Amino acid sequence: MRFAASPLLIALMWLAVVATALGVALVSHICRQQYAELTAMERAANQMDVDYGRYLLEQSAWGSLQRIETMAAQKLDMRSPQPEEILMVKRN
């Protein structure tokens, strides 16, 4: 027994094959676009991590006790008290 396909069935099969091929191409294109967006966001996140590290170092430098003491001495003419200038107050 031989099966003879009608021209309508062959046309529908070809249409299904073409539609599937176009769908695969579209999905591949969307995946590539989203992957490119993901890598760009990862690059931006890495740069933000680097910047955050720099800002932490800068904050640490600006808040160091040595720098504060130097600025107090230079700009406000302050100094550490001498031992004989320290007065201990006793509370009863």
PDB file of N, CA and C in Angstrom:
ATOM      1  N   MET A   1       0.832  -1.168   0.000  1.00  0.00           N
ATOM      2  CA  MET A   1       0.000   0.000   0.000  1.00  0.00           C
ATOM      3  C   MET A   1       0.882   1.238   0.000  1.00  0.00           C
ATOM      4  N   ARG A   2       0.609   2.085  -0.907  1.00  0.00           N
ATOM      5  CA  ARG A   2       1.378   3.309  -1.080  1.00  0.00           C
ATOM      6  C   ARG A   2       0.578   4.496  -0.646  1.00  0.00           C
ATOM      7  N   PHE A   3       1.293   5.448  -0.001  1.00  0.00           N
ATOM      8  CA  PHE A   3       0.616   6.642   0.485  1.00  0.00           C
ATOM      9  C   PHE A   3       0.927   7.797  -0.457  1.00  0.00           C
ATOM     10  N   ALA A   4      -0.087   8.427  -0.974  1.00  0.00           N
ATOM     11  CA  ALA A   4       0.097   9.566  -1.869  1.00  0.00           C
ATOM     12  C   ALA A   4      -0.344  10.817  -1.119  1.00  0.00           C
ATOM     13  N   ALA A   5       0.602  11.739  -0.946  1.00  0.00           N
ATOM     14  CA  ALA A   5       0.308  12.977  -0.229  1.00  0.00           C
ATOM     15  C   ALA A   5      -0.334  13.964  -1.186  1.00  0.00           C
ATOM     16  N   SER A   6      -1.326  14.633  -0.686  1.00  0.00           N
ATOM     17  CA  SER A   6      -1.993  15.623  -1.518  1.00  0.00           C
ATOM     18  C   SER A   6      -1.150  16.898  -1.553  1.00  0.00           C
ATOM     19  N   PRO A   7      -1.273  17.691  -2.590  1.00  0.00           N
ATOM     20  CA  PRO A   7      -0.513  18.942  -2.688  1.00  0.00           C
ATOM     21  C   PRO A   7      -0.839  19.895  -1.537  1.00  0.00           C
ATOM     22  N   LEU A   8      -2.063  19.850  -1.034  1.00  0.00           N
ATOM     23  CA  LEU A   8      -2.432  20.715   0.087  1.00  0.00           C
ATOM     24  C   LEU A   8      -1.673  20.312   1.347  1.00  0.00           C
ATOM     25  N   LEU A   9      -1.541  19.033   1.597  1.00  0.00           N
ATOM     26  CA  LEU A   9      -0.810  18.537   2.752  1.00  0.00           C
ATOM     27  C   LEU A   9       0.667  18.902   2.654  1.00  0.00           C
ATOM     28  N   ILE A  10       1.236  18.785   1.480  1.00  0.00           N
ATOM     29  CA  ILE A  10       2.651  19.148   1.276  1.00  0.00           C
ATOM     30  C   ILE A  10       2.838  20.649   1.509  1.00  0.00           C
ATOM     31  N   ALA A  11       1.931  21.467   1.047  1.00  0.00           N
ATOM     32  CA  ALA A  11       2.033  22.916   1.233  1.00  0.00           C
ATOM     33  C   ALA A  11       1.925  23.270   2.722  1.00  0.00           C
ATOM     34  N   LEU A  12       1.014  22.604   3.436  1.00  0.00           N
ATOM     35  CA  LEU A  12       0.889  22.846   4.871  1.00  0.00           C
ATOM     36  C   LEU A  12       2.147  22.426   5.623  1.00  0.00           C
ATOM     37  N   MET A  13       2.755  21.320   5.232  1.00  0.00           N
ATOM     38  CA  MET A  13       3.986  20.860   5.874  1.00  0.00           C
ATOM     39  C   MET A  13       5.122  21.860   5.628  1.00  0.00           C
ATOM     40  N   TRP A  14       5.226  22.351   4.396  1.00  0.00           N
ATOM     41  CA  TRP A  14       6.256  23.343   4.099  1.00  0.00           C
ATOM     42  C   TRP A  14       6.022  24.633   4.891  1.00  0.00           C
ATOM     43  N   LEU A  15       4.786  25.028   5.008  1.00  0.00           N
ATOM     44  CA  LEU A  15       4.447  26.218   5.784  1.00  0.00           C
ATOM     45  C   LEU A  15       4.829  26.020   7.254  1.00  0.00           C
ATOM     46  N   ALA A  16       4.570  24.835   7.789  1.00  0.00           N
ATOM     47  CA  ALA A  16       4.941  24.542   9.174  1.00  0.00           C
ATOM     48  C   ALA A  16       6.455  24.561   9.340  1.00  0.00           C
ATOM     49  N   VAL A  17       7.197  24.030   8.394  1.00  0.00           N
ATOM     50  CA  VAL A  17       8.665  24.017   8.461  1.00  0.00           C
ATOM     51  C   VAL A  17       9.206  25.440   8.422  1.00  0.00           C
ATOM     52  N   VAL A  18       8.683  26.272   7.538  1.00  0.00           N
ATOM     53  CA  VAL A  18       9.147  27.661   7.414  1.00  0.00           C
ATOM     54  C   VAL A  18       8.801  28.445   8.689  1.00  0.00           C
ATOM     55  N   ALA A  19       7.600  28.253   9.220  1.00  0.00           N
ATOM     56  CA  ALA A  19       7.194  28.953  10.436  1.00  0.00           C
ATOM     57  C   ALA A  19       8.079  28.541  11.611  1.00  0.00           C
ATOM     58  N   THR A  20       8.390  27.248  11.705  1.00  0.00           N
ATOM     59  CA  THR A  20       9.267  26.771  12.770  1.00  0.00           C
ATOM     60  C   THR A  20      10.663  27.358  12.615  1.00  0.00           C
ATOM     61  N   ALA A  21      11.179  27.416  11.415  1.00  0.00           N
ATOM     62  CA  ALA A  21      12.506  27.987  11.177  1.00  0.00           C
ATOM     63  C   ALA A  21      12.547  29.462  11.560  1.00  0.00           C
ATOM     64  N   LEU A  22      11.505  30.203  11.198  1.00  0.00           N
ATOM     65  CA  LEU A  22      11.447  31.620  11.568  1.00  0.00           C
ATOM     66  C   LEU A  22      11.353  31.785  13.090  1.00  0.00           C
ATOM     67  N   GLY A  23      10.600  30.921  13.746  1.00  0.00           N
ATOM     68  CA  GLY A  23      10.495  30.962  15.206  1.00  0.00           C
ATOM     69  C   GLY A  23      11.836  30.696  15.880  1.00  0.00           C
ATOM     70  N   VAL A  24      12.570  29.718  15.373  1.00  0.00           N
ATOM     71  CA  VAL A  24      13.894  29.413  15.926  1.00  0.00           C
ATOM     72  C   VAL A  24      14.828  30.600  15.732  1.00  0.00           C
ATOM     73  N   ALA A  25      14.806  31.208  14.556  1.00  0.00           N
ATOM     74  CA  ALA A  25      15.666  32.365  14.296  1.00  0.00           C
ATOM     75  C   ALA A  25      15.311  33.533  15.216  1.00  0.00           C
ATOM     76  N   LEU A  26      14.021  33.772  15.430  1.00  0.00           N
ATOM     77  CA  LEU A  26      13.580  34.863  16.299  1.00  0.00           C
ATOM     78  C   LEU A  26      14.007  34.628  17.744  1.00  0.00           C
ATOM     79  N   VAL A  27      13.804  33.414  18.233  1.00  0.00           N
ATOM     80  CA  VAL A  27      14.179  33.105  19.613  1.00  0.00           C
ATOM     81  C   VAL A  27      15.693  33.211  19.788  1.00  0.00           C
ATOM     82  N   SER A  28      16.468  32.753  18.819  1.00  0.00           N
ATOM     83  CA  SER A  28      17.933  32.874  18.890  1.00  0.00           C
ATOM     84  C   SER A  28      18.346  34.339  18.939  1.00  0.00           C
ATOM     85  N   HIS A  29      17.710  35.167  18.131  1.00  0.00           N
ATOM     86  CA  HIS A  29      18.011  36.593  18.117  1.00  0.00           C
ATOM     87  C   HIS A  29      17.697  37.236  19.471  1.00  0.00           C
ATOM     88  N   ILE A  30      16.553  36.913  20.041  1.00  0.00           N
ATOM     89  CA  ILE A  30      16.164  37.467  21.342  1.00  0.00           C
ATOM     90  C   ILE A  30      17.137  37.010  22.431  1.00  0.00           C
ATOM     91  N   CYS A  31      17.531  35.747  22.400  1.00  0.00           N
ATOM     92  CA  CYS A  31      18.493  35.236  23.384  1.00  0.00           C
ATOM     93  C   CYS A  31      19.826  35.973  23.273  1.00  0.00           C
ATOM     94  N   ARG A  32      20.306  36.209  22.073  1.00  0.00           N
ATOM     95  CA  ARG A  32      21.568  36.939  21.890  1.00  0.00           C
ATOM     96  C   ARG A  32      21.452  38.367  22.407  1.00  0.00           C
ATOM     97  N   GLN A  33      20.329  39.021  22.126  1.00  0.00           N
ATOM     98  CA  GLN A  33      20.129  40.386  22.630  1.00  0.00           C
ATOM     99  C   GLN A  33      20.135  40.422  24.149  1.00  0.00           C
ATOM    100  N   GLN A  34      19.427  39.501  24.765  1.00  0.00           N
ATOM    101  CA  GLN A  34      19.349  39.483  26.224  1.00  0.00           C
ATOM    102  C   GLN A  34      20.694  39.113  26.851  1.00  0.00           C
ATOM    103  N   TYR A  35      21.456  38.239  26.202  1.00  0.00           N
ATOM    104  CA  TYR A  35      22.778  37.891  26.714  1.00  0.00           C
ATOM    105  C   TYR A  35      23.714  39.089  26.630  1.00  0.00           C
ATOM    106  N   ALA A  36      23.629  39.842  25.541  1.00  0.00           N
ATOM    107  CA  ALA A  36      24.449  41.049  25.416  1.00  0.00           C
ATOM    108  C   ALA A  36      24.075  42.065  26.489  1.00  0.00           C
ATOM    109  N   GLU A  37      22.781  42.203  26.773  1.00  0.00           N
ATOM    110  CA  GLU A  37      22.325  43.111  27.834  1.00  0.00           C
ATOM    111  C   GLU A  37      22.814  42.633  29.202  1.00  0.00           C
ATOM    112  N   LEU A  38      22.777  41.332  29.437  1.00  0.00           N
ATOM    113  CA  LEU A  38      23.262  40.769  30.699  1.00  0.00           C
ATOM    114  C   LEU A  38      24.753  41.045  30.890  1.00  0.00           C
ATOM    115  N   THR A  39      25.554  40.825  29.864  1.00  0.00           N
ATOM    116  CA  THR A  39      26.992  41.065  30.002  1.00  0.00           C
ATOM    117  C   THR A  39      27.278  42.549  30.216  1.00  0.00           C
ATOM    118  N   ALA A  40      26.513  43.425  29.582  1.00  0.00           N
ATOM    119  CA  ALA A  40      26.702  44.861  29.807  1.00  0.00           C
ATOM    120  C   ALA A  40      26.356  45.222  31.253  1.00  0.00           C
ATOM    121  N   MET A  41      25.292  44.642  31.785  1.00  0.00           N
ATOM    122  CA  MET A  41      24.919  44.910  33.173  1.00  0.00           C
ATOM    123  C   MET A  41      25.958  44.343  34.139  1.00  0.00           C
ATOM    124  N   GLU A  42      26.517  43.183  33.834  1.00  0.00           N
ATOM    125  CA  GLU A  42      27.560  42.612  34.686  1.00  0.00           C
ATOM    126  C   GLU A  42      28.800  43.500  34.684  1.00  0.00           C
ATOM    127  N   ARG A  43      29.146  44.029  33.507  1.00  0.00           N
ATOM    128  CA  ARG A  43      30.281  44.959  33.424  1.00  0.00           C
ATOM    129  C   ARG A  43      30.029  46.194  34.269  1.00  0.00           C
ATOM    130  N   ALA A  44      28.807  46.730  34.182  1.00  0.00           N
ATOM    131  CA  ALA A  44      28.460  47.915  34.981  1.00  0.00           C
ATOM    132  C   ALA A  44      28.499  47.589  36.474  1.00  0.00           C
ATOM    133  N   ALA A  45      28.021  46.409  36.857  1.00  0.00           N
ATOM    134  CA  ALA A  45      28.053  46.009  38.271  1.00  0.00           C
ATOM    135  C   ALA A  45      29.491  45.877  38.761  1.00  0.00           C
ATOM    136  N   ASN A  46      30.364  45.300  37.941  1.00  0.00           N
ATOM    137  CA  ASN A  46      31.768  45.180  38.321  1.00  0.00           C
ATOM    138  C   ASN A  46      32.406  46.558  38.486  1.00  0.00           C
ATOM    139  N   GLN A  47      32.078  47.492  37.594  1.00  0.00           N
ATOM    140  CA  GLN A  47      32.625  48.844  37.703  1.00  0.00           C
ATOM    141  C   GLN A  47      32.112  49.527  38.966  1.00  0.00           C
ATOM    142  N   MET A  48      30.846  49.289  39.302  1.00  0.00           N
ATOM    143  CA  MET A  48      30.299  49.858  40.533  1.00  0.00           C
ATOM    144  C   MET A  48      31.002  49.286  41.762  1.00  0.00           C
ATOM    145  N   ASP A  49      31.332  47.990  41.727  1.00  0.00           N
ATOM    146  CA  ASP A  49      32.070  47.385  42.837  1.00  0.00           C
ATOM    147  C   ASP A  49      33.452  48.033  42.993  1.00  0.00           C
ATOM    148  N   VAL A  50      34.112  48.285  41.871  1.00  0.00           N
ATOM    149  CA  VAL A  50      35.428  48.939  41.911  1.00  0.00           C
ATOM    150  C   VAL A  50      35.286  50.347  42.480  1.00  0.00           C
ATOM    151  N   ASP A  51      34.298  51.095  42.003  1.00  0.00           N
ATOM    152  CA  ASP A  51      34.077  52.455  42.498  1.00  0.00           C
ATOM    153  C   ASP A  51      33.751  52.454  43.987  1.00  0.00           C
ATOM    154  N   TYR A  52      32.947  51.504  44.430  1.00  0.00           N
ATOM    155  CA  TYR A  52      32.586  51.416  45.843  1.00  0.00           C
ATOM    156  C   TYR A  52      33.827  51.162  46.695  1.00  0.00           C
ATOM    157  N   GLY A  53      34.702  50.290  46.223  1.00  0.00           N
ATOM    158  CA  GLY A  53      35.954  50.040  46.941  1.00  0.00           C
ATOM    159  C   GLY A  53      36.800  51.289  47.046  1.00  0.00           C
ATOM    160  N   ARG A  54      36.862  52.043  45.958  1.00  0.00           N
ATOM    161  CA  ARG A  54      37.621  53.304  45.978  1.00  0.00           C
ATOM    162  C   ARG A  54      37.011  54.293  46.973  1.00  0.00           C
ATOM    163  N   TYR A  55      35.694  54.382  46.979  1.00  0.00           N
ATOM    164  CA  TYR A  55      35.026  55.306  47.895  1.00  0.00           C
ATOM    165  C   TYR A  55      35.248  54.904  49.352  1.00  0.00           C
ATOM    166  N   LEU A  56      35.264  53.590  49.628  1.00  0.00           N
ATOM    167  CA  LEU A  56      35.542  53.139  50.991  1.00  0.00           C
ATOM    168  C   LEU A  56      36.959  53.521  51.410  1.00  0.00           C
ATOM    169  N   LEU A  57      37.910  53.362  50.490  1.00  0.00           N
ATOM    170  CA  LEU A  57      39.286  53.761  50.797  1.00  0.00           C
ATOM    171  C   LEU A  57      39.385  55.262  51.030  1.00  0.00           C
ATOM    172  N   GLU A  58      38.697  56.025  50.198  1.00  0.00           N
ATOM    173  CA  GLU A  58      38.720  57.479  50.347  1.00  0.00           C
ATOM    174  C   GLU A  58      38.077  57.893  51.676  1.00  0.00           C
ATOM    175  N   GLN A  59      36.974  57.275  52.021  1.00  0.00           N
ATOM    176  CA  GLN A  59      36.303  57.579  53.287  1.00  0.00           C
ATOM    177  C   GLN A  59      37.215  57.239  54.462  1.00  0.00           C
ATOM    178  N   SER A  60      37.908  56.125  54.361  1.00  0.00           N
ATOM    179  CA  SER A  60      38.833  55.733  55.423  1.00  0.00           C
ATOM    180  C   SER A  60      39.965  56.739  55.551  1.00  0.00           C
ATOM    181  N   ALA A  61      40.465  57.227  54.420  1.00  0.00           N
ATOM    182  CA  ALA A  61      41.560  58.197  54.465  1.00  0.00           C
ATOM    183  C   ALA A  61      41.093  59.529  55.052  1.00  0.00           C
ATOM    184  N   TRP A  62      39.913  59.974  54.664  1.00  0.00           N
ATOM    185  CA  TRP A  62      39.406  61.264  55.168  1.00  0.00           C
ATOM    186  C   TRP A  62      39.062  61.188  56.647  1.00  0.00           C
ATOM    187  N   GLY A  63      38.721  60.033  57.144  1.00  0.00           N
ATOM    188  CA  GLY A  63      38.312  59.909  58.534  1.00  0.00           C
ATOM    189  C   GLY A  63      39.399  59.381  59.456  1.00  0.00           C
ATOM    190  N   SER A  64      40.636  59.262  58.966  1.00  0.00           N
ATOM    191  CA  SER A  64      41.688  58.715  59.816  1.00  0.00           C
ATOM    192  C   SER A  64      41.989  59.664  60.973  1.00  0.00           C
ATOM    193  N   LEU A  65      42.307  59.074  62.102  1.00  0.00           N
ATOM    194  CA  LEU A  65      42.580  59.870  63.302  1.00  0.00           C
ATOM    195  C   LEU A  65      43.787  60.788  63.104  1.00  0.00           C
ATOM    196  N   GLN A  66      44.800  60.304  62.395  1.00  0.00           N
ATOM    197  CA  GLN A  66      45.990  61.122  62.154  1.00  0.00           C
ATOM    198  C   GLN A  66      45.624  62.362  61.341  1.00  0.00           C
ATOM    199  N   ARG A  67      44.803  62.202  60.332  1.00  0.00           N
ATOM    200  CA  ARG A  67      44.410  63.346  59.504  1.00  0.00           C
ATOM    201  C   ARG A  67      43.586  64.331  60.321  1.00  0.00           C
ATOM    202  N   ILE A  68      42.664  63.823  61.132  1.00  0.00           N
ATOM    203  CA  ILE A  68      41.827  64.710  61.951  1.00  0.00           C
ATOM    204  C   ILE A  68      42.692  65.475  62.945  1.00  0.00           C
ATOM    205  N   GLU A  69      43.643  64.784  63.555  1.00  0.00           N
ATOM    206  CA  GLU A  69      44.522  65.450  64.515  1.00  0.00           C
ATOM    207  C   GLU A  69      45.371  66.521  63.827  1.00  0.00           C
ATOM    208  N   THR A  70      45.883  66.226  62.657  1.00  0.00           N
ATOM    209  CA  THR A  70      46.683  67.197  61.910  1.00  0.00           C
ATOM    210  C   THR A  70      45.845  68.409  61.531  1.00  0.00           C
ATOM    211  N   MET A  71      44.622  68.186  61.046  1.00  0.00           N
ATOM    212  CA  MET A  71      43.755  69.297  60.656  1.00  0.00           C
ATOM    213  C   MET A  71      43.375  70.142  61.877  1.00  0.00           C
ATOM    214  N   ALA A  72      43.129  69.503  63.014  1.00  0.00           N
ATOM    215  CA  ALA A  72      42.784  70.245  64.228  1.00  0.00           C
ATOM    216  C   ALA A  72      43.952  71.121  64.661  1.00  0.00           C
ATOM    217  N   ALA A  73      45.152  70.613  64.544  1.00  0.00           N
ATOM    218  CA  ALA A  73      46.335  71.385  64.932  1.00  0.00           C
ATOM    219  C   ALA A  73      46.567  72.543  63.969  1.00  0.00           C
ATOM    220  N   GLN A  74      46.395  72.295  62.677  1.00  0.00           N
ATOM    221  CA  GLN A  74      46.691  73.331  61.678  1.00  0.00           C
ATOM    222  C   GLN A  74      45.606  74.405  61.612  1.00  0.00           C
ATOM    223  N   LYS A  75      44.366  73.985  61.508  1.00  0.00           N
ATOM    224  CA  LYS A  75      43.289  74.951  61.258  1.00  0.00           C
ATOM    225  C   LYS A  75      42.689  75.544  62.526  1.00  0.00           C
ATOM    226  N   LEU A  76      42.670  74.774  63.621  1.00  0.00           N
ATOM    227  CA  LEU A  76      42.018  75.242  64.836  1.00  0.00           C
ATOM    228  C   LEU A  76      43.014  75.528  65.961  1.00  0.00           C
ATOM    229  N   ASP A  77      44.295  75.345  65.675  1.00  0.00           N
ATOM    230  CA  ASP A  77      45.359  75.582  66.643  1.00  0.00           C
ATOM    231  C   ASP A  77      45.120  74.768  67.922  1.00  0.00           C
ATOM    232  N   MET A  78      44.698  73.513  67.740  1.00  0.00           N
ATOM    233  CA  MET A  78      44.454  72.639  68.878  1.00  0.00           C
ATOM    234  C   MET A  78      45.672  71.754  69.093  1.00  0.00           C
ATOM    235  N   ARG A  79      45.802  71.194  70.288  1.00  0.00           N
ATOM    236  CA  ARG A  79      46.894  70.281  70.593  1.00  0.00           C
ATOM    237  C   ARG A  79      46.429  69.294  71.646  1.00  0.00           C
ATOM    238  N   SER A  80      47.167  68.222  71.804  1.00  0.00           N
ATOM    239  CA  SER A  80      46.878  67.256  72.857  1.00  0.00           C
ATOM    240  C   SER A  80      47.372  67.826  74.175  1.00  0.00           C
ATOM    241  N   PRO A  81      46.663  67.589  75.276  1.00  0.00           N
ATOM    242  CA  PRO A  81      47.096  68.137  76.552  1.00  0.00           C
ATOM    243  C   PRO A  81      48.341  67.417  77.082  1.00  0.00           C
ATOM    244  N   GLN A  82      49.149  68.157  77.799  1.00  0.00           N
ATOM    245  CA  GLN A  82      50.318  67.576  78.459  1.00  0.00           C
ATOM    246  C   GLN A  82      49.833  66.809  79.691  1.00  0.00           C
ATOM    247  N   PRO A  83      50.602  65.849  80.158  1.00  0.00           N
ATOM    248  CA  PRO A  83      50.154  65.062  81.318  1.00  0.00           C
ATOM    249  C   PRO A  83      49.834  65.918  82.538  1.00  0.00           C
ATOM    250  N   GLU A  84      50.589  66.980  82.771  1.00  0.00           N
ATOM    251  CA  GLU A  84      50.316  67.824  83.938  1.00  0.00           C
ATOM    252  C   GLU A  84      49.051  68.655  83.760  1.00  0.00           C
ATOM    253  N   GLU A  85      48.541  68.781  82.536  1.00  0.00           N
ATOM    254  CA  GLU A  85      47.321  69.551  82.278  1.00  0.00           C
ATOM    255  C   GLU A  85      46.046  68.714  82.430  1.00  0.00           C
ATOM    256  N   ILE A  86      46.205  67.408  82.579  1.00  0.00           N
ATOM    257  CA  ILE A  86      45.053  66.514  82.686  1.00  0.00           C
ATOM    258  C   ILE A  86      44.588  66.478  84.128  1.00  0.00           C
ATOM    259  N   LEU A  87      43.343  66.717  84.361  1.00  0.00           N
ATOM    260  CA  LEU A  87      42.747  66.724  85.692  1.00  0.00           C
ATOM    261  C   LEU A  87      41.741  65.605  85.789  1.00  0.00           C
ATOM    262  N   MET A  88      41.921  64.738  86.766  1.00  0.00           N
ATOM    263  CA  MET A  88      41.007  63.618  86.957  1.00  0.00           C
ATOM    264  C   MET A  88      39.924  64.045  87.929  1.00  0.00           C
ATOM    265  N   VAL A  89      38.711  63.866  87.588  1.00  0.00           N
ATOM    266  CA  VAL A  89      37.578  64.238  88.444  1.00  0.00           C
ATOM    267  C   VAL A  89      36.987  62.944  89.005  1.00  0.00           C
ATOM    268  N   LYS A  90      36.880  62.907  90.292  1.00  0.00           N
ATOM    269  CA  LYS A  90      36.346  61.725  90.950  1.00  0.00           C
ATOM    270  C   LYS A  90      34.878  61.955  91.285  1.00  0.00           C
ATOM    271  N   ARG A  91      34.079  61.010  91.033  1.00  0.00           N
ATOM    272  CA  ARG A  91      32.657  61.137  91.302  1.00  0.00           C
ATOM    273  C   ARG A  91      32.302  60.296  92.517  1.00  0.00           C
ATOM    274  N   ASN A  92      31.593  60.888  93.464  1.00  0.00           N
ATOM    275  CA  ASN A  92      31.224  60.163  94.697  1.00  0.00           C
ATOM    276  C   ASN A  92      29.941  59.438  94.537  1.00  0.00           C
TER     277      ASN A  92
END
